[in-house]
Amino acid sequence: ALDALMILARTVPDLIISDIHMPHMDGYAFVRHVRAAERT
């Protein structure tokens, strides 16, 4: 999820496909970050 957030800082995709169980930040927290950022 951390790598994904770095990618999202550079570009905005048309759709995201994500797992839930991941190290450091799970899918739930990742989606909350995506929804909290205005550009994504």
Full PDB file with SEQRES, HELIX, SHEET, SSBOND, CRYST1, ORIGX, SCALE, CONECT and MASTER records, all heavy atoms in Angstrom:
SEQRES   1 A   40  ALA LEU ASP ALA LEU MET ILE LEU ALA ARG THR VAL PRO          
SEQRES   2 A   40  ASP LEU ILE ILE SER ASP ILE HIS MET PRO HIS MET ASP          
SEQRES   3 A   40  GLY TYR ALA PHE VAL ARG HIS VAL ARG ALA ALA GLU ARG          
SEQRES   4 A   40  THR                                                          
HELIX    1 AA1 LEU A    2  ARG A   10  1                                   9    
HELIX    2 AA2 GLY A   27  ALA A   36  1                                  10    
CRYST1    1.000    1.000    1.000  90.00  90.00  90.00 P 1           1          
ORIGX1      1.000000  0.000000  0.000000        0.00000                         
ORIGX2      0.000000  1.000000  0.000000        0.00000                         
ORIGX3      0.000000  0.000000  1.000000        0.00000                         
SCALE1      1.000000  0.000000  0.000000        0.00000                         
SCALE2      0.000000  1.000000  0.000000        0.00000                         
SCALE3      0.000000  0.000000  1.000000        0.00000                         
ATOM      1  N   ALA A   1       0.831  -1.201   0.000  1.00  0.00           N  
ATOM      2  CA  ALA A   1       0.000   0.000   0.000  1.00  0.00           C  
ATOM      3  C   ALA A   1       0.867   1.254   0.000  1.00  0.00           C  
ATOM      4  O   ALA A   1       0.526   2.261  -0.624  1.00  0.00           O  
ATOM      5  CB  ALA A   1      -0.932  -0.006   1.201  1.00  0.00           C  
ATOM      6  N   LEU A   2       2.000   1.195   0.694  1.00  0.00           N  
ATOM      7  CA  LEU A   2       2.897   2.352   0.742  1.00  0.00           C  
ATOM      8  C   LEU A   2       3.467   2.648  -0.644  1.00  0.00           C  
ATOM      9  O   LEU A   2       3.552   3.813  -1.053  1.00  0.00           O  
ATOM     10  CB  LEU A   2       4.026   2.115   1.749  1.00  0.00           C  
ATOM     11  CG  LEU A   2       3.590   1.947   3.215  1.00  0.00           C  
ATOM     12  CD1 LEU A   2       4.801   1.686   4.113  1.00  0.00           C  
ATOM     13  CD2 LEU A   2       2.844   3.194   3.689  1.00  0.00           C  
ATOM     14  N   ASP A   3       3.856   1.593  -1.375  1.00  0.00           N  
ATOM     15  CA  ASP A   3       4.333   1.788  -2.748  1.00  0.00           C  
ATOM     16  C   ASP A   3       3.221   2.363  -3.613  1.00  0.00           C  
ATOM     17  O   ASP A   3       3.454   3.219  -4.472  1.00  0.00           O  
ATOM     18  CB  ASP A   3       4.808   0.456  -3.347  1.00  0.00           C  
ATOM     19  CG  ASP A   3       6.116  -0.016  -2.737  1.00  0.00           C  
ATOM     20  OD1 ASP A   3       6.821   0.821  -2.117  1.00  0.00           O  
ATOM     21  OD2 ASP A   3       6.440  -1.208  -2.876  1.00  0.00           O  
ATOM     22  N   ALA A   4       2.004   1.891  -3.391  1.00  0.00           N  
ATOM     23  CA  ALA A   4       0.862   2.376  -4.175  1.00  0.00           C  
ATOM     24  C   ALA A   4       0.624   3.861  -3.927  1.00  0.00           C  
ATOM     25  O   ALA A   4       0.322   4.620  -4.860  1.00  0.00           O  
ATOM     26  CB  ALA A   4      -0.389   1.570  -3.834  1.00  0.00           C  
ATOM     27  N   LEU A   5       0.748   4.287  -2.669  1.00  0.00           N  
ATOM     28  CA  LEU A   5       0.545   5.704  -2.361  1.00  0.00           C  
ATOM     29  C   LEU A   5       1.610   6.563  -3.035  1.00  0.00           C  
ATOM     30  O   LEU A   5       1.325   7.700  -3.460  1.00  0.00           O  
ATOM     31  CB  LEU A   5       0.573   5.919  -0.845  1.00  0.00           C  
ATOM     32  CG  LEU A   5      -0.629   5.350  -0.077  1.00  0.00           C  
ATOM     33  CD1 LEU A   5      -0.433   5.528   1.423  1.00  0.00           C  
ATOM     34  CD2 LEU A   5      -1.929   6.008  -0.529  1.00  0.00           C  
ATOM     35  N   MET A   6       2.815   6.047  -3.176  1.00  0.00           N  
ATOM     36  CA  MET A   6       3.869   6.783  -3.879  1.00  0.00           C  
ATOM     37  C   MET A   6       3.520   6.920  -5.364  1.00  0.00           C  
ATOM     38  O   MET A   6       3.742   7.964  -5.966  1.00  0.00           O  
ATOM     39  CB  MET A   6       5.213   6.073  -3.699  1.00  0.00           C  
ATOM     40  CG  MET A   6       5.744   6.096  -2.272  1.00  0.00           C  
ATOM     41  SD  MET A   6       7.312   5.209  -2.079  1.00  0.00           S  
ATOM     42  CE  MET A   6       8.377   6.200  -3.134  1.00  0.00           C  
ATOM     43  N   ILE A   7       2.946   5.860  -5.931  1.00  0.00           N  
ATOM     44  CA  ILE A   7       2.521   5.925  -7.335  1.00  0.00           C  
ATOM     45  C   ILE A   7       1.393   6.933  -7.496  1.00  0.00           C  
ATOM     46  O   ILE A   7       1.369   7.734  -8.438  1.00  0.00           O  
ATOM     47  CB  ILE A   7       2.081   4.529  -7.826  1.00  0.00           C  
ATOM     48  CG1 ILE A   7       3.282   3.583  -7.891  1.00  0.00           C  
ATOM     49  CG2 ILE A   7       1.384   4.615  -9.184  1.00  0.00           C  
ATOM     50  CD1 ILE A   7       2.928   2.153  -8.228  1.00  0.00           C  
ATOM     51  N   LEU A   8       0.444   6.923  -6.548  1.00  0.00           N  
ATOM     52  CA  LEU A   8      -0.694   7.843  -6.617  1.00  0.00           C  
ATOM     53  C   LEU A   8      -0.268   9.298  -6.459  1.00  0.00           C  
ATOM     54  O   LEU A   8      -0.978  10.205  -6.905  1.00  0.00           O  
ATOM     55  CB  LEU A   8      -1.723   7.490  -5.542  1.00  0.00           C  
ATOM     56  CG  LEU A   8      -2.440   6.152  -5.718  1.00  0.00           C  
ATOM     57  CD1 LEU A   8      -3.360   5.884  -4.536  1.00  0.00           C  
ATOM     58  CD2 LEU A   8      -3.236   6.139  -7.021  1.00  0.00           C  
ATOM     59  N   ALA A   9       0.868   9.525  -5.840  1.00  0.00           N  
ATOM     60  CA  ALA A   9       1.381  10.889  -5.721  1.00  0.00           C  
ATOM     61  C   ALA A   9       1.858  11.412  -7.073  1.00  0.00           C  
ATOM     62  O   ALA A   9       1.917  12.628  -7.290  1.00  0.00           O  
ATOM     63  CB  ALA A   9       2.522  10.938  -4.704  1.00  0.00           C  
ATOM     64  N   ARG A  10       2.162  10.480  -8.003  1.00  0.00           N  
ATOM     65  CA  ARG A  10       2.654  10.870  -9.327  1.00  0.00           C  
ATOM     66  C   ARG A  10       1.579  10.835 -10.398  1.00  0.00           C  
ATOM     67  O   ARG A  10       1.612  11.614 -11.353  1.00  0.00           O  
ATOM     68  CB  ARG A  10       3.811   9.957  -9.757  1.00  0.00           C  
ATOM     69  CG  ARG A  10       4.993   9.955  -8.813  1.00  0.00           C  
ATOM     70  CD  ARG A  10       6.185   9.254  -9.437  1.00  0.00           C  
ATOM     71  NE  ARG A  10       5.887   7.886  -9.817  1.00  0.00           N  
ATOM     72  CZ  ARG A  10       6.092   6.836  -9.024  1.00  0.00           C  
ATOM     73  NH1 ARG A  10       6.577   7.011  -7.791  1.00  0.00           N  
ATOM     74  NH2 ARG A  10       5.827   5.605  -9.435  1.00  0.00           N  
ATOM     75  N   THR A  11       0.637   9.913 -10.264  1.00  0.00           N  
ATOM     76  CA  THR A  11      -0.377   9.745 -11.307  1.00  0.00           C  
ATOM     77  C   THR A  11      -1.666   9.223 -10.701  1.00  0.00           C  
ATOM     78  O   THR A  11      -1.636   8.546  -9.661  1.00  0.00           O  
ATOM     79  CB  THR A  11       0.116   8.769 -12.395  1.00  0.00           C  
ATOM     80  OG1 THR A  11      -0.835   8.693 -13.453  1.00  0.00           O  
ATOM     81  CG2 THR A  11       0.326   7.365 -11.831  1.00  0.00           C  
ATOM     82  N   VAL A  12      -2.787   9.520 -11.339  1.00  0.00           N  
ATOM     83  CA  VAL A  12      -4.092   9.058 -10.862  1.00  0.00           C  
ATOM     84  C   VAL A  12      -4.640   8.032 -11.853  1.00  0.00           C  
ATOM     85  O   VAL A  12      -4.927   8.374 -12.998  1.00  0.00           O  
ATOM     86  CB  VAL A  12      -5.091  10.226 -10.713  1.00  0.00           C  
ATOM     87  CG1 VAL A  12      -6.458   9.704 -10.262  1.00  0.00           C  
ATOM     88  CG2 VAL A  12      -4.559  11.260  -9.729  1.00  0.00           C  
ATOM     89  N   PRO A  13      -4.789   6.771 -11.436  1.00  0.00           N  
ATOM     90  CA  PRO A  13      -5.318   5.745 -12.336  1.00  0.00           C  
ATOM     91  C   PRO A  13      -6.829   5.871 -12.490  1.00  0.00           C  
ATOM     92  O   PRO A  13      -7.485   6.609 -11.749  1.00  0.00           O  
ATOM     93  CB  PRO A  13      -4.954   4.440 -11.624  1.00  0.00           C  
ATOM     94  CG  PRO A  13      -4.984   4.815 -10.169  1.00  0.00           C  
ATOM     95  CD  PRO A  13      -4.472   6.229 -10.107  1.00  0.00           C  
ATOM     96  N   ASP A  14      -7.370   5.154 -13.456  1.00  0.00           N  
ATOM     97  CA  ASP A  14      -8.820   5.135 -13.654  1.00  0.00           C  
ATOM     98  C   ASP A  14      -9.508   4.189 -12.683  1.00  0.00           C  
ATOM     99  O   ASP A  14     -10.705   4.336 -12.410  1.00  0.00           O  
ATOM    100  CB  ASP A  14      -9.144   4.725 -15.093  1.00  0.00           C  
ATOM    101  CG  ASP A  14      -8.641   5.742 -16.103  1.00  0.00           C  
ATOM    102  OD1 ASP A  14      -9.172   6.857 -16.115  1.00  0.00           O  
ATOM    103  OD2 ASP A  14      -7.703   5.420 -16.858  1.00  0.00           O  
ATOM    104  N   LEU A  15      -8.750   3.206 -12.151  1.00  0.00           N  
ATOM    105  CA  LEU A  15      -9.324   2.234 -11.216  1.00  0.00           C  
ATOM    106  C   LEU A  15      -8.196   1.555 -10.453  1.00  0.00           C  
ATOM    107  O   LEU A  15      -7.099   1.367 -10.991  1.00  0.00           O  
ATOM    108  CB  LEU A  15     -10.160   1.201 -11.981  1.00  0.00           C  
ATOM    109  CG  LEU A  15     -10.905   0.138 -11.167  1.00  0.00           C  
ATOM    110  CD1 LEU A  15     -12.284  -0.149 -11.780  1.00  0.00           C  
ATOM    111  CD2 LEU A  15     -10.104  -1.176 -11.126  1.00  0.00           C  
ATOM    112  N   ILE A  16      -8.473   1.203  -9.198  1.00  0.00           N  
ATOM    113  CA  ILE A  16      -7.491   0.525  -8.354  1.00  0.00           C  
ATOM    114  C   ILE A  16      -8.020  -0.846  -7.958  1.00  0.00           C  
ATOM    115  O   ILE A  16      -9.190  -0.991  -7.600  1.00  0.00           O  
ATOM    116  CB  ILE A  16      -7.204   1.339  -7.073  1.00  0.00           C  
ATOM    117  CG1 ILE A  16      -6.598   2.707  -7.421  1.00  0.00           C  
ATOM    118  CG2 ILE A  16      -6.265   0.569  -6.136  1.00  0.00           C  
ATOM    119  CD1 ILE A  16      -6.522   3.643  -6.231  1.00  0.00           C  
ATOM    120  N   ILE A  17      -7.148  -1.860  -8.039  1.00  0.00           N  
ATOM    121  CA  ILE A  17      -7.469  -3.216  -7.567  1.00  0.00           C  
ATOM    122  C   ILE A  17      -6.493  -3.519  -6.442  1.00  0.00           C  
ATOM    123  O   ILE A  17      -5.277  -3.450  -6.633  1.00  0.00           O  
ATOM    124  CB  ILE A  17      -7.313  -4.246  -8.696  1.00  0.00           C  
ATOM    125  CG1 ILE A  17      -8.253  -3.907  -9.862  1.00  0.00           C  
ATOM    126  CG2 ILE A  17      -7.591  -5.659  -8.174  1.00  0.00           C  
ATOM    127  CD1 ILE A  17      -7.971  -4.714 -11.115  1.00  0.00           C  
ATOM    128  N   SER A  18      -7.005  -3.851  -5.254  1.00  0.00           N  
ATOM    129  CA  SER A  18      -6.114  -4.009  -4.101  1.00  0.00           C  
ATOM    130  C   SER A  18      -6.458  -5.234  -3.265  1.00  0.00           C  
ATOM    131  O   SER A  18      -7.630  -5.605  -3.134  1.00  0.00           O  
ATOM    132  CB  SER A  18      -6.184  -2.754  -3.217  1.00  0.00           C  
ATOM    133  OG  SER A  18      -5.394  -2.902  -2.047  1.00  0.00           O  
ATOM    134  N   ASP A  19      -5.416  -5.820  -2.716  1.00  0.00           N  
ATOM    135  CA  ASP A  19      -5.585  -6.860  -1.702  1.00  0.00           C  
ATOM    136  C   ASP A  19      -5.895  -6.174  -0.364  1.00  0.00           C  
ATOM    137  O   ASP A  19      -5.772  -4.953  -0.235  1.00  0.00           O  
ATOM    138  CB  ASP A  19      -4.294  -7.672  -1.605  1.00  0.00           C  
ATOM    139  CG  ASP A  19      -4.455  -8.943  -0.784  1.00  0.00           C  
ATOM    140  OD1 ASP A  19      -5.605  -9.270  -0.424  1.00  0.00           O  
ATOM    141  OD2 ASP A  19      -3.438  -9.594  -0.495  1.00  0.00           O  
ATOM    142  N   ILE A  20      -6.310  -6.945   0.632  1.00  0.00           N  
ATOM    143  CA  ILE A  20      -6.540  -6.392   1.973  1.00  0.00           C  
ATOM    144  C   ILE A  20      -5.345  -6.668   2.875  1.00  0.00           C  
ATOM    145  O   ILE A  20      -4.780  -5.750   3.477  1.00  0.00           O  
ATOM    146  CB  ILE A  20      -7.814  -6.985   2.607  1.00  0.00           C  
ATOM    147  CG1 ILE A  20      -9.055  -6.522   1.844  1.00  0.00           C  
ATOM    148  CG2 ILE A  20      -7.908  -6.558   4.073  1.00  0.00           C  
ATOM    149  CD1 ILE A  20     -10.350  -7.105   2.389  1.00  0.00           C  
ATOM    150  N   HIS A  21      -4.943  -7.955   2.975  1.00  0.00           N  
ATOM    151  CA  HIS A  21      -3.878  -8.328   3.901  1.00  0.00           C  
ATOM    152  C   HIS A  21      -2.526  -8.029   3.265  1.00  0.00           C  
ATOM    153  O   HIS A  21      -2.073  -8.736   2.364  1.00  0.00           O  
ATOM    154  CB  HIS A  21      -3.974  -9.808   4.259  1.00  0.00           C  
ATOM    155  CG  HIS A  21      -2.961 -10.245   5.264  1.00  0.00           C  
ATOM    156  ND1 HIS A  21      -2.958  -9.799   6.569  1.00  0.00           N  
ATOM    157  CD2 HIS A  21      -1.888 -11.064   5.144  1.00  0.00           C  
ATOM    158  CE1 HIS A  21      -1.952 -10.344   7.217  1.00  0.00           C  
ATOM    159  NE2 HIS A  21      -1.282 -11.113   6.371  1.00  0.00           N  
ATOM    160  N   MET A  22      -1.877  -6.935   3.715  1.00  0.00           N  
ATOM    161  CA  MET A  22      -0.559  -6.533   3.218  1.00  0.00           C  
ATOM    162  C   MET A  22       0.252  -5.997   4.391  1.00  0.00           C  
ATOM    163  O   MET A  22      -0.310  -5.503   5.368  1.00  0.00           O  
ATOM    164  CB  MET A  22      -0.695  -5.456   2.129  1.00  0.00           C  
ATOM    165  CG  MET A  22      -1.401  -5.926   0.861  1.00  0.00           C  
ATOM    166  SD  MET A  22      -1.521  -4.624  -0.398  1.00  0.00           S  
ATOM    167  CE  MET A  22      -2.745  -3.529   0.368  1.00  0.00           C  
ATOM    168  N   PRO A  23       1.591  -6.086   4.327  1.00  0.00           N  
ATOM    169  CA  PRO A  23       2.430  -5.604   5.436  1.00  0.00           C  
ATOM    170  C   PRO A  23       2.407  -4.082   5.550  1.00  0.00           C  
ATOM    171  O   PRO A  23       2.175  -3.377   4.566  1.00  0.00           O  
ATOM    172  CB  PRO A  23       3.827  -6.109   5.054  1.00  0.00           C  
ATOM    173  CG  PRO A  23       3.784  -6.237   3.560  1.00  0.00           C  
ATOM    174  CD  PRO A  23       2.387  -6.678   3.238  1.00  0.00           C  
ATOM    175  N   HIS A  24       2.629  -3.588   6.766  1.00  0.00           N  
ATOM    176  CA  HIS A  24       2.773  -2.160   7.072  1.00  0.00           C  
ATOM    177  C   HIS A  24       1.445  -1.392   7.014  1.00  0.00           C  
ATOM    178  O   HIS A  24       1.122  -0.639   7.921  1.00  0.00           O  
ATOM    179  CB  HIS A  24       3.799  -1.495   6.151  1.00  0.00           C  
ATOM    180  CG  HIS A  24       5.111  -2.206   6.102  1.00  0.00           C  
ATOM    181  ND1 HIS A  24       5.879  -2.428   7.230  1.00  0.00           N  
ATOM    182  CD2 HIS A  24       5.781  -2.780   5.055  1.00  0.00           C  
ATOM    183  CE1 HIS A  24       6.975  -3.083   6.883  1.00  0.00           C  
ATOM    184  NE2 HIS A  24       6.941  -3.322   5.580  1.00  0.00           N  
ATOM    185  N   MET A  25       0.699  -1.551   5.927  1.00  0.00           N  
ATOM    186  CA  MET A  25      -0.601  -0.894   5.818  1.00  0.00           C  
ATOM    187  C   MET A  25      -1.554  -1.833   5.093  1.00  0.00           C  
ATOM    188  O   MET A  25      -1.285  -2.273   3.976  1.00  0.00           O  
ATOM    189  CB  MET A  25      -0.494   0.421   5.035  1.00  0.00           C  
ATOM    190  CG  MET A  25      -1.835   1.149   4.861  1.00  0.00           C  
ATOM    191  SD  MET A  25      -1.718   2.606   3.778  1.00  0.00           S  
ATOM    192  CE  MET A  25      -0.676   3.665   4.765  1.00  0.00           C  
ATOM    193  N   ASP A  26      -2.693  -2.171   5.720  1.00  0.00           N  
ATOM    194  CA  ASP A  26      -3.615  -3.099   5.072  1.00  0.00           C  
ATOM    195  C   ASP A  26      -4.512  -2.361   4.069  1.00  0.00           C  
ATOM    196  O   ASP A  26      -4.461  -1.130   3.936  1.00  0.00           O  
ATOM    197  CB  ASP A  26      -4.444  -3.871   6.095  1.00  0.00           C  
ATOM    198  CG  ASP A  26      -5.389  -2.979   6.912  1.00  0.00           C  
ATOM    199  OD1 ASP A  26      -5.667  -1.836   6.498  1.00  0.00           O  
ATOM    200  OD2 ASP A  26      -5.857  -3.439   7.969  1.00  0.00           O  
ATOM    201  N   GLY A  27      -5.330  -3.131   3.360  1.00  0.00           N  
ATOM    202  CA  GLY A  27      -6.174  -2.559   2.323  1.00  0.00           C  
ATOM    203  C   GLY A  27      -7.190  -1.558   2.835  1.00  0.00           C  
ATOM    204  O   GLY A  27      -7.506  -0.574   2.154  1.00  0.00           O  
ATOM    205  N   TYR A  28      -7.705  -1.798   4.025  1.00  0.00           N  
ATOM    206  CA  TYR A  28      -8.695  -0.873   4.593  1.00  0.00           C  
ATOM    207  C   TYR A  28      -8.087   0.524   4.798  1.00  0.00           C  
ATOM    208  O   TYR A  28      -8.669   1.541   4.411  1.00  0.00           O  
ATOM    209  CB  TYR A  28      -9.220  -1.397   5.925  1.00  0.00           C  
ATOM    210  CG  TYR A  28      -9.829  -2.771   5.873  1.00  0.00           C  
ATOM    211  CD1 TYR A  28      -9.330  -3.806   6.640  1.00  0.00           C  
ATOM    212  CD2 TYR A  28     -10.927  -3.036   5.048  1.00  0.00           C  
ATOM    213  CE1 TYR A  28      -9.879  -5.077   6.600  1.00  0.00           C  
ATOM    214  CE2 TYR A  28     -11.497  -4.303   4.998  1.00  0.00           C  
ATOM    215  CZ  TYR A  28     -10.962  -5.320   5.777  1.00  0.00           C  
ATOM    216  OH  TYR A  28     -11.519  -6.573   5.733  1.00  0.00           O  
ATOM    217  N   ALA A  29      -6.911   0.551   5.426  1.00  0.00           N  
ATOM    218  CA  ALA A  29      -6.240   1.833   5.660  1.00  0.00           C  
ATOM    219  C   ALA A  29      -5.858   2.484   4.341  1.00  0.00           C  
ATOM    220  O   ALA A  29      -5.952   3.708   4.184  1.00  0.00           O  
ATOM    221  CB  ALA A  29      -5.000   1.627   6.526  1.00  0.00           C  
ATOM    222  N   PHE A  30      -5.426   1.669   3.372  1.00  0.00           N  
ATOM    223  CA  PHE A  30      -5.054   2.194   2.055  1.00  0.00           C  
ATOM    224  C   PHE A  30      -6.243   2.886   1.389  1.00  0.00           C  
ATOM    225  O   PHE A  30      -6.128   4.004   0.877  1.00  0.00           O  
ATOM    226  CB  PHE A  30      -4.535   1.052   1.183  1.00  0.00           C  
ATOM    227  CG  PHE A  30      -4.328   1.430  -0.258  1.00  0.00           C  
ATOM    228  CD1 PHE A  30      -3.450   2.449  -0.612  1.00  0.00           C  
ATOM    229  CD2 PHE A  30      -5.018   0.766  -1.266  1.00  0.00           C  
ATOM    230  CE1 PHE A  30      -3.260   2.799  -1.948  1.00  0.00           C  
ATOM    231  CE2 PHE A  30      -4.843   1.097  -2.590  1.00  0.00           C  
ATOM    232  CZ  PHE A  30      -3.960   2.111  -2.938  1.00  0.00           C  
ATOM    233  N   VAL A  31      -7.399   2.225   1.405  1.00  0.00           N  
ATOM    234  CA  VAL A  31      -8.586   2.814   0.772  1.00  0.00           C  
ATOM    235  C   VAL A  31      -8.994   4.099   1.480  1.00  0.00           C  
ATOM    236  O   VAL A  31      -9.413   5.069   0.835  1.00  0.00           O  
ATOM    237  CB  VAL A  31      -9.750   1.802   0.748  1.00  0.00           C  
ATOM    238  CG1 VAL A  31     -11.032   2.462   0.242  1.00  0.00           C  
ATOM    239  CG2 VAL A  31      -9.397   0.624  -0.143  1.00  0.00           C  
ATOM    240  N   ARG A  32      -8.868   4.117   2.794  1.00  0.00           N  
ATOM    241  CA  ARG A  32      -9.213   5.350   3.519  1.00  0.00           C  
ATOM    242  C   ARG A  32      -8.299   6.498   3.099  1.00  0.00           C  
ATOM    243  O   ARG A  32      -8.747   7.646   2.976  1.00  0.00           O  
ATOM    244  CB  ARG A  32      -9.145   5.108   5.031  1.00  0.00           C  
ATOM    245  CG  ARG A  32     -10.337   4.296   5.564  1.00  0.00           C  
ATOM    246  CD  ARG A  32     -10.400   4.343   7.076  1.00  0.00           C  
ATOM    247  NE  ARG A  32      -9.342   3.560   7.684  1.00  0.00           N  
ATOM    248  CZ  ARG A  32      -9.455   2.266   8.003  1.00  0.00           C  
ATOM    249  NH1 ARG A  32     -10.576   1.611   7.764  1.00  0.00           N  
ATOM    250  NH2 ARG A  32      -8.449   1.622   8.563  1.00  0.00           N  
ATOM    251  N   HIS A  33      -7.017   6.204   2.848  1.00  0.00           N  
ATOM    252  CA  HIS A  33      -6.098   7.228   2.342  1.00  0.00           C  
ATOM    253  C   HIS A  33      -6.534   7.701   0.955  1.00  0.00           C  
ATOM    254  O   HIS A  33      -6.511   8.899   0.666  1.00  0.00           O  
ATOM    255  CB  HIS A  33      -4.675   6.673   2.270  1.00  0.00           C  
ATOM    256  CG  HIS A  33      -3.894   6.787   3.548  1.00  0.00           C  
ATOM    257  ND1 HIS A  33      -4.082   5.942   4.614  1.00  0.00           N  
ATOM    258  CD2 HIS A  33      -2.936   7.667   3.926  1.00  0.00           C  
ATOM    259  CE1 HIS A  33      -3.262   6.273   5.604  1.00  0.00           C  
ATOM    260  NE2 HIS A  33      -2.556   7.321   5.210  1.00  0.00           N  
ATOM    261  N   VAL A  34      -6.916   6.745   0.109  1.00  0.00           N  
ATOM    262  CA  VAL A  34      -7.351   7.082  -1.252  1.00  0.00           C  
ATOM    263  C   VAL A  34      -8.574   7.990  -1.208  1.00  0.00           C  
ATOM    264  O   VAL A  34      -8.656   9.001  -1.918  1.00  0.00           O  
ATOM    265  CB  VAL A  34      -7.666   5.796  -2.048  1.00  0.00           C  
ATOM    266  CG1 VAL A  34      -8.353   6.133  -3.377  1.00  0.00           C  
ATOM    267  CG2 VAL A  34      -6.391   5.003  -2.311  1.00  0.00           C  
ATOM    268  N   ARG A  35      -9.534   7.652  -0.367  1.00  0.00           N  
ATOM    269  CA  ARG A  35     -10.772   8.425  -0.287  1.00  0.00           C  
ATOM    270  C   ARG A  35     -10.553   9.800   0.372  1.00  0.00           C  
ATOM    271  O   ARG A  35     -11.280  10.742   0.095  1.00  0.00           O  
ATOM    272  CB  ARG A  35     -11.825   7.638   0.503  1.00  0.00           C  
ATOM    273  CG  ARG A  35     -12.311   6.387  -0.222  1.00  0.00           C  
ATOM    274  CD  ARG A  35     -13.174   6.758  -1.406  1.00  0.00           C  
ATOM    275  NE  ARG A  35     -13.534   5.577  -2.201  1.00  0.00           N  
ATOM    276  CZ  ARG A  35     -13.038   5.317  -3.402  1.00  0.00           C  
ATOM    277  NH1 ARG A  35     -12.189   6.173  -3.960  1.00  0.00           N  
ATOM    278  NH2 ARG A  35     -13.396   4.251  -4.066  1.00  0.00           N  
ATOM    279  N   ALA A  36      -9.540   9.892   1.233  1.00  0.00           N  
ATOM    280  CA  ALA A  36      -9.303  11.152   1.941  1.00  0.00           C  
ATOM    281  C   ALA A  36      -8.603  12.191   1.080  1.00  0.00           C  
ATOM    282  O   ALA A  36      -8.709  13.390   1.336  1.00  0.00           O  
ATOM    283  CB  ALA A  36      -8.479  10.903   3.202  1.00  0.00           C  
ATOM    284  N   ALA A  37      -7.884  11.734   0.034  1.00  0.00           N  
ATOM    285  CA  ALA A  37      -7.156  12.661  -0.839  1.00  0.00           C  
ATOM    286  C   ALA A  37      -8.084  13.176  -1.935  1.00  0.00           C  
ATOM    287  O   ALA A  37      -8.762  12.388  -2.606  1.00  0.00           O  
ATOM    288  CB  ALA A  37      -5.948  11.961  -1.460  1.00  0.00           C  
ATOM    289  N   GLU A  38      -8.122  14.476  -2.128  1.00  0.00           N  
ATOM    290  CA  GLU A  38      -9.050  15.071  -3.090  1.00  0.00           C  
ATOM    291  C   GLU A  38      -8.831  14.552  -4.506  1.00  0.00           C  
ATOM    292  O   GLU A  38      -9.796  14.282  -5.225  1.00  0.00           O  
ATOM    293  CB  GLU A  38      -8.888  16.603  -3.071  1.00  0.00           C  
ATOM    294  CG  GLU A  38      -9.856  17.334  -3.994  1.00  0.00           C  
ATOM    295  CD  GLU A  38      -9.720  18.840  -3.888  1.00  0.00           C  
ATOM    296  OE1 GLU A  38      -8.984  19.314  -3.004  1.00  0.00           O  
ATOM    297  OE2 GLU A  38     -10.353  19.551  -4.697  1.00  0.00           O  
ATOM    298  N   ARG A  39      -7.572  14.365  -4.918  1.00  0.00           N  
ATOM    299  CA  ARG A  39      -7.294  13.972  -6.309  1.00  0.00           C  
ATOM    300  C   ARG A  39      -7.654  12.512  -6.586  1.00  0.00           C  
ATOM    301  O   ARG A  39      -7.808  12.121  -7.743  1.00  0.00           O  
ATOM    302  CB  ARG A  39      -5.833  14.255  -6.660  1.00  0.00           C  
ATOM    303  CG  ARG A  39      -4.828  13.448  -5.870  1.00  0.00           C  
ATOM    304  CD  ARG A  39      -3.439  14.082  -5.920  1.00  0.00           C  
ATOM    305  NE  ARG A  39      -2.959  14.238  -7.285  1.00  0.00           N  
ATOM    306  CZ  ARG A  39      -2.162  13.363  -7.888  1.00  0.00           C  
ATOM    307  NH1 ARG A  39      -1.804  12.247  -7.261  1.00  0.00           N  
ATOM    308  NH2 ARG A  39      -1.735  13.576  -9.111  1.00  0.00           N  
ATOM    309  N   THR A  40      -7.776  11.680  -5.541  1.00  0.00           N  
ATOM    310  CA  THR A  40      -8.105  10.268  -5.763  1.00  0.00           C  
ATOM    311  C   THR A  40      -9.437   9.863  -5.142  1.00  0.00           C  
ATOM    312  O   THR A  40      -9.803   8.688  -5.196  1.00  0.00           O  
ATOM    313  CB  THR A  40      -6.998   9.362  -5.185  1.00  0.00           C  
ATOM    314  OG1 THR A  40      -6.845   9.626  -3.774  1.00  0.00           O  
ATOM    315  CG2 THR A  40      -5.670   9.608  -5.888  1.00  0.00           C  
TER     316      THR A  40                                                      
MASTER        0    0    0    2    0    0    0    6  315    1    0    4          
END                                                                             
